[in-house]
């Protein structure tokens, strides 16, 4: 697994783990995902689902793909925007949870957040069936508004996609705090 040693260069490097006992599990399944952070002024390009939450465009790596290639592909697929440049890795969030399929295994999801610039023109998305089902749509939204929106959903305890809303809101807050400086 890739780990970033230059922690000081990252805006955030966080772990979400509700049960510290899980950290003792020897058996783990690790998934790596990349997420695009695209900011213009006070607005950020996010993906809204038909449940009303906002997430970063992103997802898992295809076989043989590096982080840059994956983030370029994912941003384009989920928002229709073409990445002009992947600028830098700004953050990392590790989620540690009980594996849904094996009781004695821990599931580790490492999300890497890359600051990107996109070209102005937008084309059609190419969503997979799961993303279509969730009605993914790319949207420029005020960062504070996206945070408030997601926090309201978290407060109401929507169980279906609580995992990623929590992670993405944490990332948004760290990015917002940095911009507000």
N, C-alpha and C. Protein backbone atom coordinates (compact mmCIF):
# COMPACT_ATOMS: atom_id res chain seq x y z
N UNK A 1 0.84 -1.19 0.00
CA UNK A 1 0.00 0.00 0.00
C UNK A 1 0.88 1.25 0.00
N UNK A 2 0.42 2.27 -0.67
CA UNK A 2 1.18 3.52 -0.71
C UNK A 2 0.96 4.29 0.57
N UNK A 3 2.01 4.78 1.15
CA UNK A 3 1.79 5.67 2.28
C UNK A 3 2.61 6.92 2.03
N UNK A 4 2.13 8.01 2.55
CA UNK A 4 2.77 9.30 2.30
C UNK A 4 3.57 9.67 3.54
N UNK A 5 4.87 9.82 3.36
CA UNK A 5 5.72 10.14 4.51
C UNK A 5 5.73 11.63 4.81
N UNK A 6 5.57 12.43 3.77
CA UNK A 6 5.64 13.88 3.96
C UNK A 6 4.33 14.41 4.51
N UNK A 7 3.99 13.95 5.72
CA UNK A 7 2.72 14.33 6.35
C UNK A 7 2.56 15.84 6.45
N UNK A 8 3.67 16.50 6.70
CA UNK A 8 3.62 17.95 6.94
C UNK A 8 3.12 18.70 5.70
N UNK A 9 3.27 18.08 4.53
CA UNK A 9 2.85 18.74 3.30
C UNK A 9 1.35 18.59 3.06
N UNK A 10 0.74 17.65 3.75
CA UNK A 10 -0.68 17.40 3.55
C UNK A 10 -1.52 18.36 4.38
N UNK A 11 -2.64 18.76 3.78
CA UNK A 11 -3.59 19.61 4.49
C UNK A 11 -4.29 18.81 5.59
N UNK A 12 -4.56 17.54 5.29
CA UNK A 12 -5.16 16.67 6.31
C UNK A 12 -4.71 15.23 6.09
N UNK A 13 -4.54 14.51 7.19
CA UNK A 13 -4.21 13.09 7.15
C UNK A 13 -4.94 12.46 8.33
N UNK A 14 -6.10 11.87 8.07
CA UNK A 14 -7.03 11.52 9.14
C UNK A 14 -7.41 10.03 9.10
N UNK A 15 -7.86 9.56 10.24
CA UNK A 15 -8.36 8.19 10.32
C UNK A 15 -9.74 8.19 10.95
N UNK A 16 -10.66 7.45 10.35
CA UNK A 16 -12.00 7.27 10.91
C UNK A 16 -12.09 5.82 11.37
N UNK A 17 -12.24 5.64 12.67
CA UNK A 17 -12.34 4.29 13.21
C UNK A 17 -13.17 4.34 14.48
N UNK A 18 -14.37 3.75 14.44
CA UNK A 18 -15.26 3.80 15.60
C UNK A 18 -14.93 2.75 16.65
N UNK A 19 -14.23 1.72 16.24
CA UNK A 19 -13.92 0.62 17.16
C UNK A 19 -12.42 0.33 17.11
N UNK A 20 -11.70 0.83 18.11
CA UNK A 20 -10.24 0.72 18.10
C UNK A 20 -9.75 -0.74 18.13
N UNK A 21 -10.62 -1.65 18.59
CA UNK A 21 -10.25 -3.08 18.61
C UNK A 21 -9.94 -3.58 17.20
N UNK A 22 -10.58 -2.96 16.22
CA UNK A 22 -10.38 -3.37 14.82
C UNK A 22 -8.92 -3.19 14.39
N UNK A 23 -8.23 -2.23 15.02
CA UNK A 23 -6.85 -1.96 14.65
C UNK A 23 -5.93 -3.13 15.00
N UNK A 24 -6.43 -4.06 15.85
CA UNK A 24 -5.62 -5.22 16.25
C UNK A 24 -5.80 -6.40 15.31
N UNK A 25 -6.80 -6.34 14.44
CA UNK A 25 -7.05 -7.45 13.52
C UNK A 25 -5.85 -7.66 12.60
N UNK A 26 -5.42 -8.90 12.47
CA UNK A 26 -4.28 -9.20 11.59
C UNK A 26 -4.74 -9.22 10.14
N UNK A 27 -5.96 -9.69 9.93
CA UNK A 27 -6.47 -9.91 8.59
C UNK A 27 -7.20 -8.66 8.09
N UNK A 28 -6.69 -8.06 7.02
CA UNK A 28 -7.35 -6.86 6.52
C UNK A 28 -7.49 -6.87 5.00
N UNK A 29 -8.52 -6.20 4.54
CA UNK A 29 -8.73 -6.02 3.11
C UNK A 29 -8.63 -4.53 2.84
N UNK A 30 -7.68 -4.16 1.96
CA UNK A 30 -7.40 -2.74 1.75
C UNK A 30 -7.87 -2.30 0.37
N UNK A 31 -8.60 -1.18 0.33
CA UNK A 31 -9.02 -0.61 -0.94
C UNK A 31 -8.48 0.81 -1.03
N UNK A 32 -7.97 1.17 -2.20
CA UNK A 32 -7.42 2.51 -2.41
C UNK A 32 -8.33 3.25 -3.38
N UNK A 33 -8.65 4.50 -3.04
CA UNK A 33 -9.46 5.33 -3.92
C UNK A 33 -8.84 6.72 -4.04
N UNK A 34 -9.10 7.37 -5.15
CA UNK A 34 -8.62 8.73 -5.37
C UNK A 34 -9.82 9.65 -5.55
N UNK A 35 -9.68 10.90 -5.12
CA UNK A 35 -10.79 11.85 -5.19
C UNK A 35 -10.27 13.19 -5.68
N UNK A 36 -11.03 13.82 -6.56
CA UNK A 36 -10.62 15.08 -7.16
C UNK A 36 -11.15 16.28 -6.40
N UNK A 37 -10.26 17.22 -6.07
CA UNK A 37 -10.64 18.45 -5.37
C UNK A 37 -10.49 19.60 -6.37
N UNK A 38 -11.62 20.13 -6.82
CA UNK A 38 -11.61 21.13 -7.89
C UNK A 38 -12.31 22.38 -7.39
N UNK A 39 -11.55 23.45 -7.18
CA UNK A 39 -12.08 24.65 -6.55
C UNK A 39 -11.95 25.85 -7.48
N UNK A 40 -13.02 26.63 -7.56
CA UNK A 40 -12.97 27.93 -8.25
C UNK A 40 -13.63 28.95 -7.34
N UNK A 41 -12.83 29.84 -6.80
CA UNK A 41 -13.36 30.83 -5.86
C UNK A 41 -13.88 30.15 -4.61
N UNK A 42 -15.15 30.41 -4.27
CA UNK A 42 -15.76 29.79 -3.08
C UNK A 42 -16.47 28.49 -3.44
N UNK A 43 -16.45 28.15 -4.71
CA UNK A 43 -17.20 26.97 -5.16
C UNK A 43 -16.29 25.78 -5.43
N UNK A 44 -16.89 24.61 -5.28
CA UNK A 44 -16.15 23.36 -5.48
C UNK A 44 -17.00 22.46 -6.36
N UNK A 45 -16.35 21.69 -7.22
CA UNK A 45 -17.06 20.76 -8.10
C UNK A 45 -17.26 19.44 -7.36
N UNK A 46 -18.52 19.16 -7.02
CA UNK A 46 -18.83 17.93 -6.29
C UNK A 46 -19.84 17.12 -7.08
N UNK A 47 -20.11 15.92 -6.61
CA UNK A 47 -21.12 15.07 -7.21
C UNK A 47 -22.26 14.95 -6.21
N UNK A 48 -23.47 15.29 -6.66
CA UNK A 48 -24.64 15.17 -5.78
C UNK A 48 -25.40 13.91 -6.16
N UNK A 49 -25.85 13.17 -5.14
CA UNK A 49 -26.65 11.98 -5.41
C UNK A 49 -28.13 12.34 -5.23
N UNK A 50 -29.00 11.43 -5.65
CA UNK A 50 -30.44 11.68 -5.50
C UNK A 50 -30.91 11.57 -4.05
N UNK A 51 -29.97 11.32 -3.14
CA UNK A 51 -30.30 11.38 -1.71
C UNK A 51 -29.98 12.76 -1.15
N UNK A 52 -29.42 13.60 -2.02
CA UNK A 52 -29.20 15.00 -1.62
C UNK A 52 -27.83 15.31 -1.04
N UNK A 53 -26.97 14.29 -0.93
CA UNK A 53 -25.64 14.54 -0.34
C UNK A 53 -24.63 14.92 -1.43
N UNK A 54 -23.54 15.52 -0.99
CA UNK A 54 -22.45 15.87 -1.90
C UNK A 54 -21.22 15.03 -1.59
N UNK A 55 -20.55 14.55 -2.64
CA UNK A 55 -19.29 13.81 -2.49
C UNK A 55 -18.30 14.32 -3.52
N UNK A 56 -17.02 14.01 -3.30
CA UNK A 56 -16.00 14.36 -4.28
C UNK A 56 -16.09 13.37 -5.44
N UNK A 57 -15.83 13.83 -6.67
CA UNK A 57 -15.74 12.87 -7.76
C UNK A 57 -14.53 11.98 -7.53
N UNK A 58 -14.72 10.68 -7.66
CA UNK A 58 -13.60 9.79 -7.42
C UNK A 58 -14.02 8.35 -7.29
N UNK A 59 -13.04 7.48 -7.09
CA UNK A 59 -13.32 6.06 -6.93
C UNK A 59 -12.05 5.24 -6.96
N UNK A 60 -12.24 3.94 -7.10
CA UNK A 60 -11.12 3.01 -7.05
C UNK A 60 -10.28 3.02 -8.31
N UNK A 61 -9.07 2.48 -8.17
CA UNK A 61 -8.15 2.39 -9.30
C UNK A 61 -8.46 1.16 -10.14
N UNK A 62 -8.40 1.32 -11.45
CA UNK A 62 -8.48 0.16 -12.35
C UNK A 62 -7.12 -0.53 -12.38
N UNK A 63 -7.11 -1.78 -12.83
CA UNK A 63 -5.87 -2.56 -12.89
C UNK A 63 -4.82 -1.81 -13.72
N UNK A 64 -3.63 -1.65 -13.15
CA UNK A 64 -2.54 -1.02 -13.87
C UNK A 64 -2.58 0.50 -13.91
N UNK A 65 -3.57 1.08 -13.23
CA UNK A 65 -3.73 2.53 -13.25
C UNK A 65 -2.98 3.18 -12.10
N UNK A 66 -2.35 4.34 -12.34
CA UNK A 66 -1.77 5.06 -11.21
C UNK A 66 -2.78 6.09 -10.68
N UNK A 67 -2.43 6.75 -9.59
CA UNK A 67 -3.35 7.69 -8.95
C UNK A 67 -3.80 8.80 -9.91
N UNK A 68 -2.83 9.37 -10.62
CA UNK A 68 -3.14 10.46 -11.55
C UNK A 68 -4.14 10.04 -12.62
N UNK A 69 -3.86 8.90 -13.24
CA UNK A 69 -4.74 8.40 -14.30
C UNK A 69 -6.14 8.14 -13.77
N UNK A 70 -6.21 7.59 -12.58
CA UNK A 70 -7.51 7.25 -11.99
C UNK A 70 -8.32 8.51 -11.67
N UNK A 71 -7.67 9.53 -11.13
CA UNK A 71 -8.41 10.74 -10.75
C UNK A 71 -8.90 11.47 -12.01
N UNK A 72 -8.09 11.48 -13.06
CA UNK A 72 -8.50 12.10 -14.33
C UNK A 72 -9.72 11.38 -14.89
N UNK A 73 -9.68 10.05 -14.89
CA UNK A 73 -10.79 9.24 -15.41
C UNK A 73 -12.06 9.42 -14.58
N UNK A 74 -11.90 9.34 -13.26
CA UNK A 74 -13.07 9.42 -12.37
C UNK A 74 -13.77 10.78 -12.44
N UNK A 75 -12.98 11.86 -12.46
CA UNK A 75 -13.58 13.20 -12.54
C UNK A 75 -14.38 13.32 -13.84
N UNK A 76 -13.80 12.83 -14.93
CA UNK A 76 -14.48 12.90 -16.22
C UNK A 76 -15.74 12.05 -16.25
N UNK A 77 -15.66 10.83 -15.73
CA UNK A 77 -16.82 9.93 -15.72
C UNK A 77 -17.97 10.49 -14.89
N UNK A 78 -17.65 11.02 -13.72
CA UNK A 78 -18.71 11.42 -12.78
C UNK A 78 -19.23 12.84 -12.98
N UNK A 79 -18.42 13.72 -13.59
CA UNK A 79 -18.86 15.11 -13.75
C UNK A 79 -18.95 15.57 -15.21
N UNK A 80 -18.27 14.87 -16.11
CA UNK A 80 -18.22 15.32 -17.51
C UNK A 80 -17.11 16.32 -17.79
N UNK A 81 -16.42 16.77 -16.74
CA UNK A 81 -15.32 17.73 -16.92
C UNK A 81 -14.01 16.99 -17.20
N UNK A 82 -13.16 17.59 -18.04
CA UNK A 82 -11.83 17.05 -18.32
C UNK A 82 -10.82 17.72 -17.40
N UNK A 83 -9.99 16.91 -16.75
CA UNK A 83 -8.94 17.45 -15.89
C UNK A 83 -7.83 18.01 -16.78
N UNK A 84 -7.50 19.28 -16.58
CA UNK A 84 -6.40 19.91 -17.31
C UNK A 84 -5.08 19.53 -16.66
N UNK A 85 -5.11 19.48 -15.31
CA UNK A 85 -3.88 19.16 -14.57
C UNK A 85 -4.21 18.63 -13.18
N UNK A 86 -3.48 17.58 -12.79
CA UNK A 86 -3.53 17.11 -11.40
C UNK A 86 -2.40 17.83 -10.69
N UNK A 87 -2.74 18.69 -9.74
CA UNK A 87 -1.73 19.56 -9.13
C UNK A 87 -0.96 18.90 -8.01
N UNK A 88 -1.66 18.45 -6.97
CA UNK A 88 -0.94 17.87 -5.82
C UNK A 88 -1.88 17.08 -4.93
N UNK A 89 -1.28 16.18 -4.17
CA UNK A 89 -2.01 15.45 -3.15
C UNK A 89 -2.18 16.38 -1.96
N UNK A 90 -3.43 16.64 -1.55
CA UNK A 90 -3.62 17.56 -0.42
C UNK A 90 -4.10 16.87 0.85
N UNK A 91 -4.60 15.64 0.72
CA UNK A 91 -5.08 15.00 1.94
C UNK A 91 -5.31 13.51 1.78
N UNK A 92 -5.46 12.87 2.92
CA UNK A 92 -5.65 11.43 2.95
C UNK A 92 -6.56 11.09 4.12
N UNK A 93 -7.52 10.21 3.88
CA UNK A 93 -8.38 9.73 4.96
C UNK A 93 -8.42 8.21 4.91
N UNK A 94 -8.11 7.59 6.04
CA UNK A 94 -8.20 6.13 6.16
C UNK A 94 -9.44 5.80 6.99
N UNK A 95 -10.29 4.94 6.43
CA UNK A 95 -11.47 4.48 7.16
C UNK A 95 -11.26 3.01 7.53
N UNK A 96 -11.40 2.72 8.81
CA UNK A 96 -11.22 1.36 9.31
C UNK A 96 -12.57 0.88 9.84
N UNK A 97 -13.09 -0.18 9.23
CA UNK A 97 -14.39 -0.69 9.68
C UNK A 97 -14.41 -2.21 9.64
N UNK A 98 -15.45 -2.79 10.21
CA UNK A 98 -15.59 -4.24 10.20
C UNK A 98 -15.91 -4.67 8.77
N UNK A 99 -15.26 -5.71 8.32
CA UNK A 99 -15.53 -6.20 6.97
C UNK A 99 -16.96 -6.74 6.92
N UNK A 100 -17.72 -6.34 5.90
CA UNK A 100 -19.12 -6.77 5.81
C UNK A 100 -19.24 -8.24 5.44
N UNK A 101 -18.18 -8.81 4.85
CA UNK A 101 -18.27 -10.17 4.32
C UNK A 101 -17.56 -11.22 5.19
N UNK A 102 -16.55 -10.77 5.96
CA UNK A 102 -15.83 -11.72 6.81
C UNK A 102 -15.69 -11.18 8.22
N UNK A 103 -16.17 -11.95 9.19
CA UNK A 103 -16.24 -11.46 10.57
C UNK A 103 -14.87 -11.18 11.18
N UNK A 104 -13.86 -11.97 10.81
CA UNK A 104 -12.54 -11.80 11.42
C UNK A 104 -11.62 -10.92 10.58
N UNK A 105 -12.21 -10.07 9.78
CA UNK A 105 -11.39 -9.25 8.89
C UNK A 105 -11.79 -7.78 9.04
N UNK A 106 -10.79 -6.92 8.88
CA UNK A 106 -11.05 -5.49 8.94
C UNK A 106 -10.96 -4.93 7.51
N UNK A 107 -11.85 -3.99 7.20
CA UNK A 107 -11.86 -3.36 5.89
C UNK A 107 -11.21 -1.97 6.02
N UNK A 108 -10.18 -1.73 5.21
CA UNK A 108 -9.48 -0.45 5.26
C UNK A 108 -9.63 0.24 3.92
N UNK A 109 -10.20 1.45 3.96
CA UNK A 109 -10.36 2.24 2.75
C UNK A 109 -9.46 3.45 2.87
N UNK A 110 -8.50 3.57 1.96
CA UNK A 110 -7.62 4.73 1.92
C UNK A 110 -8.04 5.64 0.78
N UNK A 111 -8.46 6.85 1.12
CA UNK A 111 -8.86 7.84 0.11
C UNK A 111 -7.79 8.92 0.01
N UNK A 112 -7.33 9.15 -1.20
CA UNK A 112 -6.32 10.18 -1.47
C UNK A 112 -6.99 11.32 -2.24
N UNK A 113 -6.86 12.55 -1.71
CA UNK A 113 -7.51 13.72 -2.29
C UNK A 113 -6.52 14.56 -3.08
N UNK A 114 -6.77 14.68 -4.38
CA UNK A 114 -5.87 15.40 -5.28
C UNK A 114 -6.50 16.70 -5.77
N UNK A 115 -5.78 17.79 -5.60
CA UNK A 115 -6.22 19.07 -6.13
C UNK A 115 -6.03 19.04 -7.64
N UNK A 116 -7.08 19.40 -8.38
CA UNK A 116 -7.04 19.36 -9.84
C UNK A 116 -7.58 20.66 -10.42
N UNK A 117 -7.20 20.91 -11.67
CA UNK A 117 -7.84 21.97 -12.44
C UNK A 117 -8.56 21.32 -13.61
N UNK A 118 -9.74 21.85 -13.94
CA UNK A 118 -10.49 21.30 -15.07
C UNK A 118 -10.63 22.34 -16.18
N UNK A 119 -10.83 21.86 -17.39
CA UNK A 119 -11.14 22.74 -18.51
C UNK A 119 -12.58 23.24 -18.36
N UNK A 120 -12.90 24.34 -19.03
CA UNK A 120 -14.22 24.95 -18.85
C UNK A 120 -15.36 24.13 -19.45
N UNK A 121 -15.10 23.52 -20.61
CA UNK A 121 -16.23 22.85 -21.28
C UNK A 121 -16.56 21.53 -20.58
N UNK A 122 -17.84 21.21 -20.62
CA UNK A 122 -18.30 19.99 -19.94
C UNK A 122 -19.02 19.10 -20.95
N UNK A 123 -18.75 17.80 -20.89
CA UNK A 123 -19.40 16.84 -21.79
C UNK A 123 -20.29 15.92 -20.96
N UNK A 124 -20.79 14.86 -21.57
CA UNK A 124 -21.66 13.94 -20.84
C UNK A 124 -20.85 13.08 -19.87
N UNK A 125 -21.51 12.71 -18.78
CA UNK A 125 -20.89 11.79 -17.83
C UNK A 125 -20.91 10.39 -18.44
N UNK A 126 -20.09 9.49 -17.91
CA UNK A 126 -20.27 8.06 -18.23
C UNK A 126 -20.32 7.29 -16.92
N UNK A 127 -21.52 7.14 -16.41
CA UNK A 127 -21.73 6.54 -15.08
C UNK A 127 -21.93 5.04 -15.20
N UNK A 128 -21.48 4.32 -14.16
CA UNK A 128 -21.82 2.89 -14.12
C UNK A 128 -23.23 2.76 -13.54
N UNK A 129 -23.76 1.54 -13.52
CA UNK A 129 -25.17 1.35 -13.16
C UNK A 129 -25.46 1.80 -11.72
N UNK A 130 -24.51 1.56 -10.84
CA UNK A 130 -24.66 1.96 -9.43
C UNK A 130 -24.75 3.49 -9.32
N UNK A 131 -23.89 4.17 -10.07
CA UNK A 131 -23.88 5.64 -10.03
C UNK A 131 -25.14 6.22 -10.68
N UNK A 132 -25.61 5.56 -11.73
CA UNK A 132 -26.85 5.99 -12.40
C UNK A 132 -28.03 5.85 -11.44
N UNK A 133 -28.05 4.74 -10.71
CA UNK A 133 -29.10 4.46 -9.73
C UNK A 133 -29.15 5.56 -8.67
N UNK A 134 -27.97 6.06 -8.31
CA UNK A 134 -27.88 7.13 -7.30
C UNK A 134 -28.06 8.52 -7.92
N UNK A 135 -28.25 8.56 -9.23
CA UNK A 135 -28.51 9.83 -9.92
C UNK A 135 -27.38 10.84 -9.82
N UNK A 136 -26.14 10.36 -9.87
CA UNK A 136 -24.99 11.25 -9.74
C UNK A 136 -25.03 12.40 -10.75
N UNK A 137 -24.82 13.61 -10.26
CA UNK A 137 -24.73 14.77 -11.13
C UNK A 137 -23.63 15.71 -10.62
N UNK A 138 -22.79 16.17 -11.54
CA UNK A 138 -21.74 17.11 -11.15
C UNK A 138 -22.34 18.48 -10.90
N UNK A 139 -21.90 19.12 -9.84
CA UNK A 139 -22.47 20.42 -9.48
C UNK A 139 -21.43 21.33 -8.83
N UNK A 140 -21.35 22.57 -9.32
CA UNK A 140 -20.51 23.57 -8.63
C UNK A 140 -21.33 24.09 -7.46
N UNK A 141 -20.80 23.97 -6.27
CA UNK A 141 -21.57 24.35 -5.08
C UNK A 141 -20.66 25.12 -4.12
N UNK A 142 -21.22 26.06 -3.41
CA UNK A 142 -20.50 26.78 -2.38
C UNK A 142 -20.03 25.77 -1.33
N UNK A 143 -18.76 25.84 -0.95
CA UNK A 143 -18.18 24.83 -0.05
C UNK A 143 -18.93 24.78 1.29
N UNK A 144 -19.20 25.96 1.85
CA UNK A 144 -19.91 26.02 3.14
C UNK A 144 -21.31 25.41 3.01
N UNK A 145 -21.95 25.69 1.90
CA UNK A 145 -23.30 25.16 1.67
C UNK A 145 -23.27 23.63 1.59
N UNK A 146 -22.25 23.08 0.93
CA UNK A 146 -22.11 21.63 0.81
C UNK A 146 -21.90 20.99 2.18
N UNK A 147 -21.09 21.64 3.02
CA UNK A 147 -20.84 21.14 4.39
C UNK A 147 -22.14 21.15 5.19
N UNK A 148 -22.84 22.29 5.18
CA UNK A 148 -24.10 22.41 5.94
C UNK A 148 -25.12 21.37 5.47
N UNK A 149 -25.19 21.20 4.17
CA UNK A 149 -26.11 20.24 3.56
C UNK A 149 -25.82 18.81 4.04
N UNK A 150 -24.53 18.42 3.98
CA UNK A 150 -24.15 17.07 4.39
C UNK A 150 -24.33 16.86 5.89
N UNK A 151 -24.04 17.90 6.67
CA UNK A 151 -24.18 17.77 8.13
C UNK A 151 -25.64 17.57 8.52
N UNK A 152 -26.54 18.20 7.78
CA UNK A 152 -27.97 18.02 8.04
C UNK A 152 -28.38 16.57 7.77
N UNK A 153 -27.85 16.00 6.69
CA UNK A 153 -28.15 14.60 6.36
C UNK A 153 -27.58 13.67 7.44
N UNK A 154 -26.35 13.96 7.89
CA UNK A 154 -25.74 13.16 8.96
C UNK A 154 -26.56 13.24 10.25
N UNK A 155 -27.03 14.44 10.55
CA UNK A 155 -27.83 14.64 11.77
C UNK A 155 -29.13 13.85 11.71
N UNK A 156 -29.66 13.70 10.51
CA UNK A 156 -30.91 12.94 10.35
C UNK A 156 -30.67 11.44 10.26
N UNK A 157 -29.37 11.06 10.22
CA UNK A 157 -29.02 9.63 10.29
C UNK A 157 -29.49 8.81 9.11
N UNK A 158 -29.18 9.25 7.89
CA UNK A 158 -29.48 8.45 6.71
C UNK A 158 -28.48 7.29 6.67
N UNK A 159 -28.94 6.04 6.89
CA UNK A 159 -28.02 4.92 7.04
C UNK A 159 -27.37 4.45 5.74
N UNK A 160 -28.01 4.70 4.60
CA UNK A 160 -27.55 4.09 3.35
C UNK A 160 -26.16 4.53 2.93
N UNK A 161 -25.92 5.84 2.97
CA UNK A 161 -24.60 6.28 2.49
C UNK A 161 -23.88 7.09 3.54
N UNK A 162 -24.18 6.77 4.79
CA UNK A 162 -23.57 7.48 5.91
C UNK A 162 -22.05 7.40 5.85
N UNK A 163 -21.51 6.28 5.39
CA UNK A 163 -20.06 6.09 5.35
C UNK A 163 -19.37 7.22 4.60
N UNK A 164 -19.79 7.41 3.36
CA UNK A 164 -19.03 8.37 2.58
C UNK A 164 -19.41 9.80 2.92
N UNK A 165 -20.63 10.04 3.39
CA UNK A 165 -20.99 11.42 3.75
C UNK A 165 -20.09 11.90 4.89
N UNK A 166 -19.84 11.03 5.82
CA UNK A 166 -19.01 11.39 6.97
C UNK A 166 -17.59 11.72 6.53
N UNK A 167 -17.03 10.85 5.70
CA UNK A 167 -15.67 11.04 5.20
C UNK A 167 -15.57 12.32 4.36
N UNK A 168 -16.50 12.49 3.44
CA UNK A 168 -16.42 13.62 2.53
C UNK A 168 -16.65 14.95 3.25
N UNK A 169 -17.50 14.94 4.27
CA UNK A 169 -17.75 16.16 5.03
C UNK A 169 -16.51 16.54 5.83
N UNK A 170 -15.82 15.55 6.36
CA UNK A 170 -14.57 15.76 7.07
C UNK A 170 -13.53 16.41 6.14
N UNK A 171 -13.42 15.89 4.93
CA UNK A 171 -12.49 16.45 3.95
C UNK A 171 -12.89 17.88 3.59
N UNK A 172 -14.18 18.09 3.33
CA UNK A 172 -14.68 19.44 2.99
C UNK A 172 -14.36 20.45 4.08
N UNK A 173 -14.56 20.06 5.33
CA UNK A 173 -14.31 20.98 6.45
C UNK A 173 -12.84 21.39 6.52
N UNK A 174 -11.95 20.43 6.29
CA UNK A 174 -10.51 20.72 6.32
C UNK A 174 -10.10 21.63 5.17
N UNK A 175 -10.71 21.43 4.01
CA UNK A 175 -10.43 22.27 2.84
C UNK A 175 -10.97 23.68 3.07
N UNK A 176 -12.18 23.76 3.61
CA UNK A 176 -12.82 25.05 3.89
C UNK A 176 -12.01 25.87 4.90
N UNK A 177 -11.58 25.18 5.95
CA UNK A 177 -10.78 25.83 7.01
C UNK A 177 -9.52 26.44 6.42
N UNK A 178 -8.90 25.73 5.48
CA UNK A 178 -7.68 26.18 4.85
C UNK A 178 -7.93 27.42 3.97
N UNK A 179 -9.04 27.41 3.25
CA UNK A 179 -9.39 28.53 2.36
C UNK A 179 -9.75 29.79 3.18
N UNK A 180 -10.36 29.55 4.34
CA UNK A 180 -10.81 30.67 5.18
C UNK A 180 -9.66 31.43 5.84
N UNK A 181 -8.49 30.78 5.90
CA UNK A 181 -7.34 31.40 6.57
C UNK A 181 -7.03 32.79 6.01
